[in-house]
Amino acid sequence: MTIVSVLLLSACGASSTGTDSTPSTPSTTTDLQLAKPVGQQVGCSTATASAPGLHGVNTHSAVNLLMPFGVAFSSDGSRAFVAVLTNQGVGQPSIGPGHADGAIGEYEATPAGLTSERLGTIGSQEPLGLSLTPDGRYLVAAEGSGAAVLSVARIENTKVPSSQWAVGTFSSRGQGAIEAAVSADGRFVFVSLEDSNELAVFNLGRAARLGFGRSDLVGYVPMGVAPVGMAISADGRYLFATSEADSPTSTEGTLTTIDLRRAEEDPSRSVVSTVWAG
């Protein structure tokens, strides 16, 4: 029997500010080049697609984490990685009082439950959305203007301090990095910039070979206001990304379809379509 473990995280808010999910309105809107939706505007709906029920699912809770945000599971489901936001000076024994550093926790997932393996700070940035490369070698954590790339082998090595978990950092002109996705071949990283209305594309394959630097940034994909969620299609051809609104004064969300291969070469021209999403 296949056992599927579901890790439940509880945190206040879903935005990069950690307060609420209201889209961040830029100070100026004259130079925004947003991906405009096409078709008829739709209203909110409770309609859902039919799907079979899941059986044999074990649900476990990770406790004693302050403001957890991102989670990523290894391909075999045996390990879970959790991004923890600031402890706001409250003090957590595993980290120490007064720290405002971001942290990553690793859990072993078994049919009996979740076992905490280690928890370590990774610097002054706060990790948010997490994504593992398909080969399980790197853990990508959205933060700041880009993402931190962490070595899974270093995380699992108890002799390596958490200050050495990161192998490099991606940065961009943007702000509010909140979610990360990795291409099916593990060569490119996509980061949604919630406060800059675009996605940043980074060349992880190049960075891993030649070292991290400015040339790792491939470019930007135009989005609506406050892009956040992303998912790559099963065939690896498309990247789907949601925005919380189509304009700074609208409450209508959008869904953008991106040609993944084109985004790896010319991100600004990689949008296939943007449609209303209710």
C-alpha atoms as a PDB file:
ATOM      1  CA  MET A   1       0.000   0.000   0.000  1.00  0.00           C
ATOM      2  CA  THR A   2       1.272   3.455  -0.871  1.00  0.00           C
ATOM      3  CA  ILE A   3       1.343   5.867   2.017  1.00  0.00           C
ATOM      4  CA  VAL A   4       0.950   9.572   1.285  1.00  0.00           C
ATOM      5  CA  SER A   5       1.899  11.936   4.093  1.00  0.00           C
ATOM      6  CA  VAL A   6       0.355  15.389   4.184  1.00  0.00           C
ATOM      7  CA  LEU A   7       2.189  18.058   6.157  1.00  0.00           C
ATOM      8  CA  LEU A   8      -0.083  20.732   7.591  1.00  0.00           C
ATOM      9  CA  LEU A   9       1.338  24.164   8.328  1.00  0.00           C
ATOM     10  CA  SER A  10      -0.452  26.907  10.199  1.00  0.00           C
ATOM     11  CA  ALA A  11       0.512  30.525   9.699  1.00  0.00           C
ATOM     12  CA  CYS A  12      -1.155  33.921   9.667  1.00  0.00           C
ATOM     13  CA  GLY A  13      -1.461  35.437   6.211  1.00  0.00           C
ATOM     14  CA  ALA A  14      -0.314  34.357   2.792  1.00  0.00           C
ATOM     15  CA  SER A  15       1.531  37.385   1.537  1.00  0.00           C
ATOM     16  CA  SER A  16       5.222  38.191   1.718  1.00  0.00           C
ATOM     17  CA  THR A  17       4.497  40.742   4.416  1.00  0.00           C
ATOM     18  CA  GLY A  18       3.086  38.033   6.674  1.00  0.00           C
ATOM     19  CA  THR A  19       0.052  40.154   7.519  1.00  0.00           C
ATOM     20  CA  ASP A  20      -2.636  39.566   4.900  1.00  0.00           C
ATOM     21  CA  SER A  21      -3.132  38.538   1.303  1.00  0.00           C
ATOM     22  CA  THR A  22      -4.117  41.943  -0.064  1.00  0.00           C
ATOM     23  CA  PRO A  23      -2.191  42.713  -3.267  1.00  0.00           C
ATOM     24  CA  SER A  24       0.633  45.192  -2.811  1.00  0.00           C
ATOM     25  CA  THR A  25      -0.126  48.360  -4.781  1.00  0.00           C
ATOM     26  CA  PRO A  26       2.972  49.964  -6.348  1.00  0.00           C
ATOM     27  CA  SER A  27       3.666  53.604  -5.555  1.00  0.00           C
ATOM     28  CA  THR A  28       3.406  54.427  -9.258  1.00  0.00           C
ATOM     29  CA  THR A  29       1.513  52.636 -11.986  1.00  0.00           C
ATOM     30  CA  THR A  30       2.462  54.568 -15.096  1.00  0.00           C
ATOM     31  CA  ASP A  31       5.366  52.299 -16.001  1.00  0.00           C
ATOM     32  CA  LEU A  32       3.650  48.994 -15.221  1.00  0.00           C
ATOM     33  CA  GLN A  33       3.532  46.586 -18.142  1.00  0.00           C
ATOM     34  CA  LEU A  34       1.088  44.029 -16.844  1.00  0.00           C
ATOM     35  CA  ALA A  35       0.046  40.862 -18.628  1.00  0.00           C
ATOM     36  CA  LYS A  36      -3.525  41.724 -19.619  1.00  0.00           C
ATOM     37  CA  PRO A  37      -6.235  39.050 -19.515  1.00  0.00           C
ATOM     38  CA  VAL A  38      -8.330  38.172 -22.551  1.00  0.00           C
ATOM     39  CA  GLY A  39     -11.866  36.873 -22.876  1.00  0.00           C
ATOM     40  CA  GLN A  40     -14.949  37.543 -20.789  1.00  0.00           C
ATOM     41  CA  GLN A  41     -14.464  38.631 -17.199  1.00  0.00           C
ATOM     42  CA  VAL A  42     -15.762  36.006 -14.802  1.00  0.00           C
ATOM     43  CA  GLY A  43     -17.017  36.194 -11.244  1.00  0.00           C
ATOM     44  CA  CYS A  44     -16.047  34.092  -8.261  1.00  0.00           C
ATOM     45  CA  SER A  45     -17.347  30.545  -8.374  1.00  0.00           C
ATOM     46  CA  THR A  46     -17.527  27.521  -6.115  1.00  0.00           C
ATOM     47  CA  ALA A  47     -17.510  25.130  -9.079  1.00  0.00           C
ATOM     48  CA  THR A  48     -14.958  22.347  -8.782  1.00  0.00           C
ATOM     49  CA  ALA A  49     -13.641  19.664 -11.106  1.00  0.00           C
ATOM     50  CA  SER A  50     -14.602  16.075 -10.365  1.00  0.00           C
ATOM     51  CA  ALA A  51     -11.798  13.801  -9.180  1.00  0.00           C
ATOM     52  CA  PRO A  52     -11.454  10.485  -7.366  1.00  0.00           C
ATOM     53  CA  GLY A  53     -11.045  10.483  -3.612  1.00  0.00           C
ATOM     54  CA  LEU A  54      -7.677   9.720  -2.074  1.00  0.00           C
ATOM     55  CA  HIS A  55      -7.418   6.690   0.184  1.00  0.00           C
ATOM     56  CA  GLY A  56      -4.753   5.653   2.673  1.00  0.00           C
ATOM     57  CA  VAL A  57      -3.674   9.224   3.333  1.00  0.00           C
ATOM     58  CA  ASN A  58      -2.007   9.934   6.650  1.00  0.00           C
ATOM     59  CA  THR A  59      -2.197  13.495   7.933  1.00  0.00           C
ATOM     60  CA  HIS A  60       0.340  14.767  10.440  1.00  0.00           C
ATOM     61  CA  SER A  61       1.016  18.176  11.911  1.00  0.00           C
ATOM     62  CA  ALA A  62       4.376  19.875  12.377  1.00  0.00           C
ATOM     63  CA  VAL A  63       4.247  21.687  15.697  1.00  0.00           C
ATOM     64  CA  ASN A  64       6.329  24.323  17.485  1.00  0.00           C
ATOM     65  CA  LEU A  65       7.154  26.209  14.295  1.00  0.00           C
ATOM     66  CA  LEU A  66       6.738  29.977  14.296  1.00  0.00           C
ATOM     67  CA  MET A  67       5.047  31.337  11.167  1.00  0.00           C
ATOM     68  CA  PRO A  68       5.872  28.448   8.806  1.00  0.00           C
ATOM     69  CA  PHE A  69       5.352  29.249   5.127  1.00  0.00           C
ATOM     70  CA  GLY A  70       6.855  27.040   2.415  1.00  0.00           C
ATOM     71  CA  VAL A  71       7.063  23.253   2.279  1.00  0.00           C
ATOM     72  CA  ALA A  72       8.692  20.823  -0.158  1.00  0.00           C
ATOM     73  CA  PHE A  73       8.762  17.016  -0.127  1.00  0.00           C
ATOM     74  CA  SER A  74      11.477  14.785  -1.515  1.00  0.00           C
ATOM     75  CA  SER A  75      10.439  12.738  -4.571  1.00  0.00           C
ATOM     76  CA  ASP A  76      10.092   9.568  -2.503  1.00  0.00           C
ATOM     77  CA  GLY A  77       8.078  11.329   0.184  1.00  0.00           C
ATOM     78  CA  SER A  78      10.515  10.404   2.942  1.00  0.00           C
ATOM     79  CA  ARG A  79      11.604  13.929   3.833  1.00  0.00           C
ATOM     80  CA  ALA A  80       9.911  17.298   4.181  1.00  0.00           C
ATOM     81  CA  PHE A  81      11.565  20.703   4.224  1.00  0.00           C
ATOM     82  CA  VAL A  82       9.799  23.652   5.864  1.00  0.00           C
ATOM     83  CA  ALA A  83      10.571  27.370   5.606  1.00  0.00           C
ATOM     84  CA  VAL A  84      10.083  29.283   8.825  1.00  0.00           C
ATOM     85  CA  LEU A  85       9.578  33.043   8.875  1.00  0.00           C
ATOM     86  CA  THR A  86      10.946  35.390  11.523  1.00  0.00           C
ATOM     87  CA  ASN A  87      10.483  34.447  15.167  1.00  0.00           C
ATOM     88  CA  GLN A  88       9.987  38.154  15.879  1.00  0.00           C
ATOM     89  CA  GLY A  89      12.185  38.020  18.956  1.00  0.00           C
ATOM     90  CA  VAL A  90       9.842  35.623  20.765  1.00  0.00           C
ATOM     91  CA  GLY A  91      12.598  33.088  21.097  1.00  0.00           C
ATOM     92  CA  GLN A  92      12.571  29.469  20.006  1.00  0.00           C
ATOM     93  CA  PRO A  93      14.923  27.074  21.820  1.00  0.00           C
ATOM     94  CA  SER A  94      16.183  25.473  18.623  1.00  0.00           C
ATOM     95  CA  ILE A  95      17.166  28.838  17.182  1.00  0.00           C
ATOM     96  CA  GLY A  96      17.730  31.113  20.138  1.00  0.00           C
ATOM     97  CA  PRO A  97      15.953  34.237  21.395  1.00  0.00           C
ATOM     98  CA  GLY A  98      15.945  37.536  19.571  1.00  0.00           C
ATOM     99  CA  HIS A  99      16.832  36.273  16.098  1.00  0.00           C
ATOM    100  CA  ALA A 100      14.995  37.549  13.041  1.00  0.00           C
ATOM    101  CA  ASP A 101      16.764  35.189  10.662  1.00  0.00           C
ATOM    102  CA  GLY A 102      15.013  32.843   8.295  1.00  0.00           C
ATOM    103  CA  ALA A 103      15.265  29.128   9.019  1.00  0.00           C
ATOM    104  CA  ILE A 104      14.817  25.812   7.258  1.00  0.00           C
ATOM    105  CA  GLY A 105      13.611  22.706   9.045  1.00  0.00           C
ATOM    106  CA  GLU A 106      13.969  19.127   7.821  1.00  0.00           C
ATOM    107  CA  TYR A 107      11.576  16.360   8.823  1.00  0.00           C
ATOM    108  CA  GLU A 108      11.601  12.619   8.286  1.00  0.00           C
ATOM    109  CA  ALA A 109       8.181  11.486   7.094  1.00  0.00           C
ATOM    110  CA  THR A 110       7.067   7.965   8.023  1.00  0.00           C
ATOM    111  CA  PRO A 111       3.670   6.252   8.257  1.00  0.00           C
ATOM    112  CA  ALA A 112       3.887   6.830  12.014  1.00  0.00           C
ATOM    113  CA  GLY A 113       4.353  10.576  11.715  1.00  0.00           C
ATOM    114  CA  LEU A 114       6.872  13.369  11.237  1.00  0.00           C
ATOM    115  CA  THR A 115      10.177  13.494  13.082  1.00  0.00           C
ATOM    116  CA  SER A 116      12.157  16.719  13.261  1.00  0.00           C
ATOM    117  CA  GLU A 117      15.718  16.118  12.083  1.00  0.00           C
ATOM    118  CA  ARG A 118      17.220  19.608  12.223  1.00  0.00           C
ATOM    119  CA  LEU A 119      16.380  23.302  12.138  1.00  0.00           C
ATOM    120  CA  GLY A 120      18.880  25.956  11.134  1.00  0.00           C
ATOM    121  CA  THR A 121      19.039  29.631  10.267  1.00  0.00           C
ATOM    122  CA  ILE A 122      20.244  30.500   6.771  1.00  0.00           C
ATOM    123  CA  GLY A 123      20.935  34.235   7.011  1.00  0.00           C
ATOM    124  CA  SER A 124      19.156  37.532   7.395  1.00  0.00           C
ATOM    125  CA  GLN A 125      16.602  36.861   4.645  1.00  0.00           C
ATOM    126  CA  GLU A 126      13.300  35.121   5.342  1.00  0.00           C
ATOM    127  CA  PRO A 127      12.753  32.018   3.168  1.00  0.00           C
ATOM    128  CA  LEU A 128       9.229  31.682   1.802  1.00  0.00           C
ATOM    129  CA  GLY A 129       8.171  29.328  -0.998  1.00  0.00           C
ATOM    130  CA  LEU A 130      10.309  26.185  -1.411  1.00  0.00           C
ATOM    131  CA  SER A 131      11.008  23.908  -4.366  1.00  0.00           C
ATOM    132  CA  LEU A 132      13.334  20.933  -4.768  1.00  0.00           C
ATOM    133  CA  THR A 133      15.233  20.212  -7.971  1.00  0.00           C
ATOM    134  CA  PRO A 134      14.052  16.975  -9.621  1.00  0.00           C
ATOM    135  CA  ASP A 135      17.296  15.187  -8.696  1.00  0.00           C
ATOM    136  CA  GLY A 136      16.867  16.223  -5.056  1.00  0.00           C
ATOM    137  CA  ARG A 137      20.256  17.924  -5.021  1.00  0.00           C
ATOM    138  CA  TYR A 138      19.167  21.492  -4.311  1.00  0.00           C
ATOM    139  CA  LEU A 139      16.446  23.159  -2.262  1.00  0.00           C
ATOM    140  CA  VAL A 140      15.431  26.543  -3.682  1.00  0.00           C
ATOM    141  CA  ALA A 141      13.939  29.072  -1.247  1.00  0.00           C
ATOM    142  CA  ALA A 142      12.317  32.275  -2.526  1.00  0.00           C
ATOM    143  CA  GLU A 143      13.566  35.284  -0.576  1.00  0.00           C
ATOM    144  CA  GLY A 144      14.265  38.998  -1.001  1.00  0.00           C
ATOM    145  CA  SER A 145      14.631  39.786  -4.695  1.00  0.00           C
ATOM    146  CA  GLY A 146      15.320  36.215  -5.788  1.00  0.00           C
ATOM    147  CA  ALA A 147      16.136  32.935  -4.098  1.00  0.00           C
ATOM    148  CA  ALA A 148      18.665  31.088  -1.985  1.00  0.00           C
ATOM    149  CA  VAL A 149      19.905  27.765  -3.342  1.00  0.00           C
ATOM    150  CA  LEU A 150      20.686  25.259  -0.581  1.00  0.00           C
ATOM    151  CA  SER A 151      22.573  21.975  -0.787  1.00  0.00           C
ATOM    152  CA  VAL A 152      20.375  19.122   0.461  1.00  0.00           C
ATOM    153  CA  ALA A 153      23.501  17.083   1.206  1.00  0.00           C
ATOM    154  CA  ARG A 154      24.770  19.864   3.471  1.00  0.00           C
ATOM    155  CA  ILE A 155      21.415  20.127   5.241  1.00  0.00           C
ATOM    156  CA  GLU A 156      21.469  16.407   5.950  1.00  0.00           C
ATOM    157  CA  ASN A 157      25.082  16.415   7.149  1.00  0.00           C
ATOM    158  CA  THR A 158      24.944  17.091  10.884  1.00  0.00           C
ATOM    159  CA  LYS A 159      28.572  18.260  10.820  1.00  0.00           C
ATOM    160  CA  VAL A 160      27.808  21.148   8.447  1.00  0.00           C
ATOM    161  CA  PRO A 161      26.512  24.309  10.194  1.00  0.00           C
ATOM    162  CA  SER A 162      23.404  25.916   8.734  1.00  0.00           C
ATOM    163  CA  SER A 163      25.431  28.992   7.794  1.00  0.00           C
ATOM    164  CA  GLN A 164      27.053  26.815   5.118  1.00  0.00           C
ATOM    165  CA  TRP A 165      23.902  25.213   3.718  1.00  0.00           C
ATOM    166  CA  ALA A 166      23.535  27.773   0.912  1.00  0.00           C
ATOM    167  CA  VAL A 167      25.635  27.286  -2.223  1.00  0.00           C
ATOM    168  CA  GLY A 168      24.577  30.569  -3.795  1.00  0.00           C
ATOM    169  CA  THR A 169      21.936  33.267  -4.112  1.00  0.00           C
ATOM    170  CA  PHE A 170      19.927  34.618  -7.037  1.00  0.00           C
ATOM    171  CA  SER A 171      18.975  38.299  -7.085  1.00  0.00           C
ATOM    172  CA  SER A 172      17.023  40.604  -9.380  1.00  0.00           C
ATOM    173  CA  ARG A 173      15.758  44.159  -9.676  1.00  0.00           C
ATOM    174  CA  GLY A 174      12.437  43.057  -8.195  1.00  0.00           C
ATOM    175  CA  GLN A 175      10.969  42.816  -4.726  1.00  0.00           C
ATOM    176  CA  GLY A 176       8.775  40.462  -2.768  1.00  0.00           C
ATOM    177  CA  ALA A 177      10.045  37.059  -3.898  1.00  0.00           C
ATOM    178  CA  ILE A 178       7.436  34.672  -2.536  1.00  0.00           C
ATOM    179  CA  GLU A 179       7.299  31.373  -4.477  1.00  0.00           C
ATOM    180  CA  ALA A 180       9.839  29.329  -6.450  1.00  0.00           C
ATOM    181  CA  ALA A 181       9.515  26.651  -9.125  1.00  0.00           C
ATOM    182  CA  VAL A 182      12.187  24.545 -10.844  1.00  0.00           C
ATOM    183  CA  SER A 183      11.989  23.370 -14.458  1.00  0.00           C
ATOM    184  CA  ALA A 184      11.502  19.651 -15.101  1.00  0.00           C
ATOM    185  CA  ASP A 185      15.147  19.270 -16.143  1.00  0.00           C
ATOM    186  CA  GLY A 186      16.377  21.171 -13.078  1.00  0.00           C
ATOM    187  CA  ARG A 187      18.225  23.779 -15.144  1.00  0.00           C
ATOM    188  CA  PHE A 188      16.091  26.879 -14.521  1.00  0.00           C
ATOM    189  CA  VAL A 189      14.440  28.514 -11.520  1.00  0.00           C
ATOM    190  CA  PHE A 190      11.337  30.708 -11.668  1.00  0.00           C
ATOM    191  CA  VAL A 191      10.565  33.108  -8.814  1.00  0.00           C
ATOM    192  CA  SER A 192       7.343  35.100  -8.437  1.00  0.00           C
ATOM    193  CA  LEU A 193       8.009  38.696  -7.389  1.00  0.00           C
ATOM    194  CA  GLU A 194       4.812  39.683  -5.609  1.00  0.00           C
ATOM    195  CA  ASP A 195       5.697  43.349  -5.186  1.00  0.00           C
ATOM    196  CA  SER A 196       7.073  43.845  -8.721  1.00  0.00           C
ATOM    197  CA  ASN A 197       4.342  42.214 -10.855  1.00  0.00           C
ATOM    198  CA  GLU A 198       6.674  39.848 -12.691  1.00  0.00           C
ATOM    199  CA  LEU A 199       8.456  36.509 -12.541  1.00  0.00           C
ATOM    200  CA  ALA A 200      12.240  36.331 -12.518  1.00  0.00           C
ATOM    201  CA  VAL A 201      13.970  33.548 -14.457  1.00  0.00           C
ATOM    202  CA  PHE A 202      17.387  32.261 -13.330  1.00  0.00           C
ATOM    203  CA  ASN A 203      19.806  29.806 -14.939  1.00  0.00           C
ATOM    204  CA  LEU A 204      20.560  27.313 -12.166  1.00  0.00           C
ATOM    205  CA  GLY A 205      22.478  24.987 -14.466  1.00  0.00           C
ATOM    206  CA  ARG A 206      24.960  27.717 -15.323  1.00  0.00           C
ATOM    207  CA  ALA A 207      25.287  28.861 -11.716  1.00  0.00           C
ATOM    208  CA  ALA A 208      25.990  25.322 -10.515  1.00  0.00           C
ATOM    209  CA  ARG A 209      28.752  24.914 -13.109  1.00  0.00           C
ATOM    210  CA  LEU A 210      30.399  28.331 -13.105  1.00  0.00           C
ATOM    211  CA  GLY A 211      29.405  29.926  -9.813  1.00  0.00           C
ATOM    212  CA  PHE A 212      26.614  32.335  -8.919  1.00  0.00           C
ATOM    213  CA  GLY A 213      26.636  35.834 -10.377  1.00  0.00           C
ATOM    214  CA  ARG A 214      24.678  38.536 -12.190  1.00  0.00           C
ATOM    215  CA  SER A 215      24.644  36.621 -15.462  1.00  0.00           C
ATOM    216  CA  ASP A 216      22.449  33.940 -13.841  1.00  0.00           C
ATOM    217  CA  LEU A 217      19.437  36.230 -14.304  1.00  0.00           C
ATOM    218  CA  VAL A 218      17.860  35.422 -17.675  1.00  0.00           C
ATOM    219  CA  GLY A 219      15.089  38.018 -17.520  1.00  0.00           C
ATOM    220  CA  TYR A 220      11.508  38.715 -16.451  1.00  0.00           C
ATOM    221  CA  VAL A 221       8.047  37.471 -17.376  1.00  0.00           C
ATOM    222  CA  PRO A 222       5.356  40.222 -17.187  1.00  0.00           C
ATOM    223  CA  MET A 223       2.471  39.350 -14.873  1.00  0.00           C
ATOM    224  CA  GLY A 224      -0.581  40.930 -13.304  1.00  0.00           C
ATOM    225  CA  VAL A 225      -0.556  42.551  -9.869  1.00  0.00           C
ATOM    226  CA  ALA A 226       0.895  40.448  -7.046  1.00  0.00           C
ATOM    227  CA  PRO A 227       1.886  37.191  -8.781  1.00  0.00           C
ATOM    228  CA  VAL A 228       2.281  34.358  -6.302  1.00  0.00           C
ATOM    229  CA  GLY A 229       1.374  30.740  -7.095  1.00  0.00           C
ATOM    230  CA  MET A 230       3.107  28.722  -9.829  1.00  0.00           C
ATOM    231  CA  ALA A 231       2.943  25.185 -11.186  1.00  0.00           C
ATOM    232  CA  ILE A 232       4.690  23.431 -14.062  1.00  0.00           C
ATOM    233  CA  SER A 233       2.644  21.194 -16.361  1.00  0.00           C
ATOM    234  CA  ALA A 234       3.205  17.442 -16.167  1.00  0.00           C
ATOM    235  CA  ASP A 235       4.881  17.400 -19.583  1.00  0.00           C
ATOM    236  CA  GLY A 236       7.239  20.238 -18.599  1.00  0.00           C
ATOM    237  CA  ARG A 237       6.108  22.469 -21.464  1.00  0.00           C
ATOM    238  CA  TYR A 238       4.230  25.185 -19.606  1.00  0.00           C
ATOM    239  CA  LEU A 239       4.439  27.204 -16.429  1.00  0.00           C
ATOM    240  CA  PHE A 240       1.120  28.340 -14.970  1.00  0.00           C
ATOM    241  CA  ALA A 241       1.145  31.370 -12.669  1.00  0.00           C
ATOM    242  CA  THR A 242      -1.590  33.264 -10.841  1.00  0.00           C
ATOM    243  CA  SER A 243      -1.841  36.975 -10.066  1.00  0.00           C
ATOM    244  CA  GLU A 244      -4.119  38.378  -7.387  1.00  0.00           C
ATOM    245  CA  ALA A 245      -5.464  41.140  -9.664  1.00  0.00           C
ATOM    246  CA  ASP A 246      -5.232  42.328 -13.264  1.00  0.00           C
ATOM    247  CA  SER A 247      -4.655  45.968 -12.239  1.00  0.00           C
ATOM    248  CA  PRO A 248      -3.870  47.932  -9.068  1.00  0.00           C
ATOM    249  CA  THR A 249      -7.551  48.927  -8.728  1.00  0.00           C
ATOM    250  CA  SER A 250      -9.111  45.547  -9.548  1.00  0.00           C
ATOM    251  CA  THR A 251     -10.005  42.544  -7.416  1.00  0.00           C
ATOM    252  CA  GLU A 252     -10.224  40.147 -10.373  1.00  0.00           C
ATOM    253  CA  GLY A 253      -7.425  37.578 -10.444  1.00  0.00           C
ATOM    254  CA  THR A 254      -5.721  36.154 -13.516  1.00  0.00           C
ATOM    255  CA  LEU A 255      -4.052  32.941 -14.671  1.00  0.00           C
ATOM    256  CA  THR A 256      -1.090  33.208 -17.043  1.00  0.00           C
ATOM    257  CA  THR A 257       0.224  30.371 -19.204  1.00  0.00           C
ATOM    258  CA  ILE A 258       3.934  30.637 -20.017  1.00  0.00           C
ATOM    259  CA  ASP A 259       5.912  28.730 -22.638  1.00  0.00           C
ATOM    260  CA  LEU A 260       8.608  27.290 -20.399  1.00  0.00           C
ATOM    261  CA  ARG A 261      11.255  26.722 -23.082  1.00  0.00           C
ATOM    262  CA  ARG A 262      10.758  30.241 -24.438  1.00  0.00           C
ATOM    263  CA  ALA A 263      10.947  31.662 -20.913  1.00  0.00           C
ATOM    264  CA  GLU A 264      14.399  30.134 -20.561  1.00  0.00           C
ATOM    265  CA  GLU A 265      15.644  32.192 -23.527  1.00  0.00           C
ATOM    266  CA  ASP A 266      13.384  35.235 -23.893  1.00  0.00           C
ATOM    267  CA  PRO A 267      11.188  35.591 -20.786  1.00  0.00           C
ATOM    268  CA  SER A 268       9.596  38.912 -21.774  1.00  0.00           C
ATOM    269  CA  ARG A 269       7.991  37.242 -24.822  1.00  0.00           C
ATOM    270  CA  SER A 270       7.112  33.894 -23.245  1.00  0.00           C
ATOM    271  CA  VAL A 271       3.497  34.560 -22.219  1.00  0.00           C
ATOM    272  CA  VAL A 272       1.102  32.343 -24.193  1.00  0.00           C
ATOM    273  CA  SER A 273      -2.115  33.673 -22.668  1.00  0.00           C
ATOM    274  CA  THR A 274      -3.525  35.441 -19.640  1.00  0.00           C
ATOM    275  CA  VAL A 275      -7.161  34.817 -18.705  1.00  0.00           C
ATOM    276  CA  TRP A 276      -9.561  35.895 -15.993  1.00  0.00           C
ATOM    277  CA  ALA A 277      -9.498  33.609 -12.952  1.00  0.00           C
ATOM    278  CA  GLY A 278     -12.314  34.949 -10.823  1.00  0.00           C
END
